[in-house]
């Protein structure tokens, strides 16, 4: 069984909660469920998303 990881906002010291987040990256818009601080709105972007989905957007632009 996988343990659920709890992330705490470094600014507000409260637990980050899942929230739908909209991104605009290199002219493309997409949405993804990410952890966000309910107080200040700071978002946690995991490395897998930054290297995965955003790399796909870059790749699709290079093909054009």
N, C-alpha and C. Protein backbone atom coordinates (compact mmCIF):
# COMPACT_ATOMS: atom_id res chain seq x y z
N UNK A 1 0.84 -1.19 0.00
CA UNK A 1 0.00 0.00 0.00
C UNK A 1 0.89 1.25 0.00
N UNK A 2 0.56 2.20 -0.87
CA UNK A 2 1.33 3.43 -0.99
C UNK A 2 0.87 4.44 0.05
N UNK A 3 1.85 5.09 0.72
CA UNK A 3 1.52 6.11 1.72
C UNK A 3 1.15 7.41 1.03
N UNK A 4 0.15 8.10 1.56
CA UNK A 4 -0.25 9.39 1.03
C UNK A 4 0.69 10.45 1.61
N UNK A 5 1.30 11.23 0.73
CA UNK A 5 2.24 12.26 1.16
C UNK A 5 1.49 13.57 1.41
N UNK A 6 1.78 14.21 2.52
CA UNK A 6 1.19 15.49 2.85
C UNK A 6 2.23 16.58 2.63
N UNK A 7 1.89 17.57 1.84
CA UNK A 7 2.78 18.70 1.62
C UNK A 7 2.24 19.92 2.35
N UNK A 8 3.15 20.65 2.95
CA UNK A 8 2.81 21.85 3.71
C UNK A 8 3.35 23.07 2.97
N UNK A 9 2.54 24.10 2.83
CA UNK A 9 2.97 25.34 2.19
C UNK A 9 4.07 25.98 3.04
N UNK A 10 5.18 26.29 2.41
CA UNK A 10 6.31 26.87 3.15
C UNK A 10 6.00 28.29 3.65
N UNK A 11 5.11 28.98 2.97
CA UNK A 11 4.76 30.35 3.35
C UNK A 11 3.72 30.39 4.47
N UNK A 12 2.65 29.60 4.33
CA UNK A 12 1.51 29.67 5.26
C UNK A 12 1.50 28.59 6.33
N UNK A 13 2.28 27.53 6.13
CA UNK A 13 2.34 26.41 7.07
C UNK A 13 1.01 25.69 7.22
N UNK A 14 0.25 25.59 6.11
CA UNK A 14 -0.99 24.82 6.09
C UNK A 14 -0.87 23.72 5.03
N UNK A 15 -1.67 22.67 5.17
CA UNK A 15 -1.63 21.56 4.24
C UNK A 15 -2.16 21.98 2.86
N UNK A 16 -1.44 21.59 1.83
CA UNK A 16 -1.86 21.88 0.46
C UNK A 16 -2.93 20.87 0.06
N UNK A 17 -3.93 21.34 -0.69
CA UNK A 17 -5.08 20.53 -1.09
C UNK A 17 -5.16 20.43 -2.61
N UNK A 18 -5.69 19.32 -3.14
CA UNK A 18 -5.84 19.19 -4.60
C UNK A 18 -6.82 20.24 -5.14
N UNK A 19 -6.45 20.82 -6.28
CA UNK A 19 -7.32 21.81 -6.93
C UNK A 19 -7.01 21.82 -8.42
N UNK A 20 -8.04 22.00 -9.24
CA UNK A 20 -7.82 22.08 -10.68
C UNK A 20 -7.08 23.38 -10.98
N UNK A 21 -6.03 23.25 -11.76
CA UNK A 21 -5.16 24.39 -12.06
C UNK A 21 -5.04 24.53 -13.57
N UNK A 22 -5.15 25.75 -14.06
CA UNK A 22 -5.01 26.03 -15.49
C UNK A 22 -3.61 26.58 -15.75
N UNK A 23 -2.97 26.05 -16.79
CA UNK A 23 -1.64 26.48 -17.19
C UNK A 23 -1.68 27.08 -18.58
N UNK A 24 -0.86 28.06 -18.79
CA UNK A 24 -0.60 28.58 -20.12
C UNK A 24 0.90 28.46 -20.31
N UNK A 25 1.29 27.65 -21.30
CA UNK A 25 2.72 27.39 -21.50
C UNK A 25 3.01 27.39 -22.99
N UNK A 26 3.86 28.32 -23.41
CA UNK A 26 4.25 28.45 -24.81
C UNK A 26 3.03 28.53 -25.73
N UNK A 27 2.03 29.31 -25.31
CA UNK A 27 0.85 29.53 -26.12
C UNK A 27 -0.21 28.45 -26.06
N UNK A 28 -0.01 27.41 -25.28
CA UNK A 28 -0.99 26.34 -25.14
C UNK A 28 -1.54 26.37 -23.72
N UNK A 29 -2.84 26.11 -23.59
CA UNK A 29 -3.49 26.09 -22.28
C UNK A 29 -3.92 24.66 -21.97
N UNK A 30 -3.64 24.21 -20.76
CA UNK A 30 -4.12 22.91 -20.31
C UNK A 30 -4.40 22.99 -18.83
N UNK A 31 -5.16 22.03 -18.34
CA UNK A 31 -5.51 22.02 -16.91
C UNK A 31 -5.07 20.70 -16.31
N UNK A 32 -4.82 20.76 -15.02
CA UNK A 32 -4.34 19.57 -14.32
C UNK A 32 -4.67 19.71 -12.84
N UNK A 33 -4.96 18.62 -12.17
CA UNK A 33 -5.23 18.62 -10.73
C UNK A 33 -3.89 18.63 -10.00
N UNK A 34 -3.64 19.69 -9.23
CA UNK A 34 -2.38 19.83 -8.49
C UNK A 34 -2.65 20.25 -7.06
N UNK A 35 -1.65 20.09 -6.21
CA UNK A 35 -1.77 20.56 -4.84
C UNK A 35 -1.59 22.07 -4.80
N UNK A 36 -2.51 22.73 -4.08
CA UNK A 36 -2.48 24.19 -3.97
C UNK A 36 -2.73 24.58 -2.52
N UNK A 37 -2.06 25.63 -2.09
CA UNK A 37 -2.27 26.16 -0.74
C UNK A 37 -3.63 26.87 -0.71
N UNK A 38 -4.51 26.50 0.24
CA UNK A 38 -5.82 27.15 0.32
C UNK A 38 -5.73 28.59 0.83
N UNK A 39 -4.60 28.96 1.41
CA UNK A 39 -4.43 30.32 1.95
C UNK A 39 -3.89 31.29 0.89
N UNK A 40 -2.72 30.97 0.31
CA UNK A 40 -2.06 31.91 -0.59
C UNK A 40 -2.14 31.52 -2.06
N UNK A 41 -2.56 30.29 -2.35
CA UNK A 41 -2.70 29.85 -3.73
C UNK A 41 -1.43 29.30 -4.36
N UNK A 42 -0.36 29.21 -3.59
CA UNK A 42 0.89 28.65 -4.13
C UNK A 42 0.64 27.23 -4.62
N UNK A 43 1.22 26.86 -5.77
CA UNK A 43 0.98 25.56 -6.39
C UNK A 43 2.25 24.73 -6.35
N UNK A 44 2.07 23.43 -6.10
CA UNK A 44 3.18 22.49 -6.16
C UNK A 44 3.12 21.77 -7.51
N UNK A 45 4.16 21.95 -8.33
CA UNK A 45 4.24 21.28 -9.63
C UNK A 45 5.26 20.16 -9.50
N UNK A 46 4.81 18.91 -9.54
CA UNK A 46 5.76 17.80 -9.42
C UNK A 46 6.68 17.72 -10.64
N UNK A 47 7.86 17.21 -10.42
CA UNK A 47 8.86 17.10 -11.49
C UNK A 47 8.32 16.30 -12.68
N UNK A 48 7.55 15.25 -12.40
CA UNK A 48 7.01 14.43 -13.49
C UNK A 48 6.12 15.24 -14.43
N UNK A 49 5.35 16.18 -13.92
CA UNK A 49 4.51 17.03 -14.76
C UNK A 49 5.37 18.02 -15.54
N UNK A 50 6.31 18.63 -14.87
CA UNK A 50 7.17 19.61 -15.52
C UNK A 50 7.97 18.99 -16.65
N UNK A 51 8.44 17.78 -16.47
CA UNK A 51 9.24 17.12 -17.49
C UNK A 51 8.39 16.32 -18.47
N UNK A 52 7.16 16.02 -18.12
CA UNK A 52 6.29 15.20 -18.97
C UNK A 52 5.38 16.04 -19.83
N UNK A 53 4.33 16.57 -19.27
CA UNK A 53 3.31 17.30 -20.04
C UNK A 53 3.89 18.53 -20.71
N UNK A 54 4.70 19.29 -20.02
CA UNK A 54 5.25 20.51 -20.60
C UNK A 54 6.24 20.18 -21.71
N UNK A 55 6.96 19.08 -21.56
CA UNK A 55 7.87 18.64 -22.63
C UNK A 55 7.07 18.24 -23.87
N UNK A 56 5.88 17.66 -23.68
CA UNK A 56 5.02 17.32 -24.82
C UNK A 56 4.59 18.57 -25.57
N UNK A 57 4.25 19.63 -24.83
CA UNK A 57 3.85 20.88 -25.46
C UNK A 57 5.02 21.44 -26.27
N UNK A 58 6.22 21.44 -25.70
CA UNK A 58 7.39 21.92 -26.42
C UNK A 58 7.62 21.11 -27.68
N UNK A 59 7.48 19.78 -27.58
CA UNK A 59 7.69 18.90 -28.71
C UNK A 59 6.69 19.17 -29.83
N UNK A 60 5.43 19.41 -29.47
CA UNK A 60 4.41 19.67 -30.49
C UNK A 60 4.68 20.99 -31.20
N UNK A 61 5.24 21.97 -30.50
CA UNK A 61 5.58 23.25 -31.13
C UNK A 61 6.76 23.11 -32.08
N UNK A 62 7.72 22.26 -31.72
CA UNK A 62 8.87 22.05 -32.58
C UNK A 62 8.49 21.37 -33.88
N UNK A 63 7.42 20.56 -33.86
CA UNK A 63 6.97 19.86 -35.05
C UNK A 63 6.30 20.79 -36.05
N UNK A 64 5.84 21.94 -35.59
CA UNK A 64 5.12 22.88 -36.48
C UNK A 64 6.07 23.72 -37.30
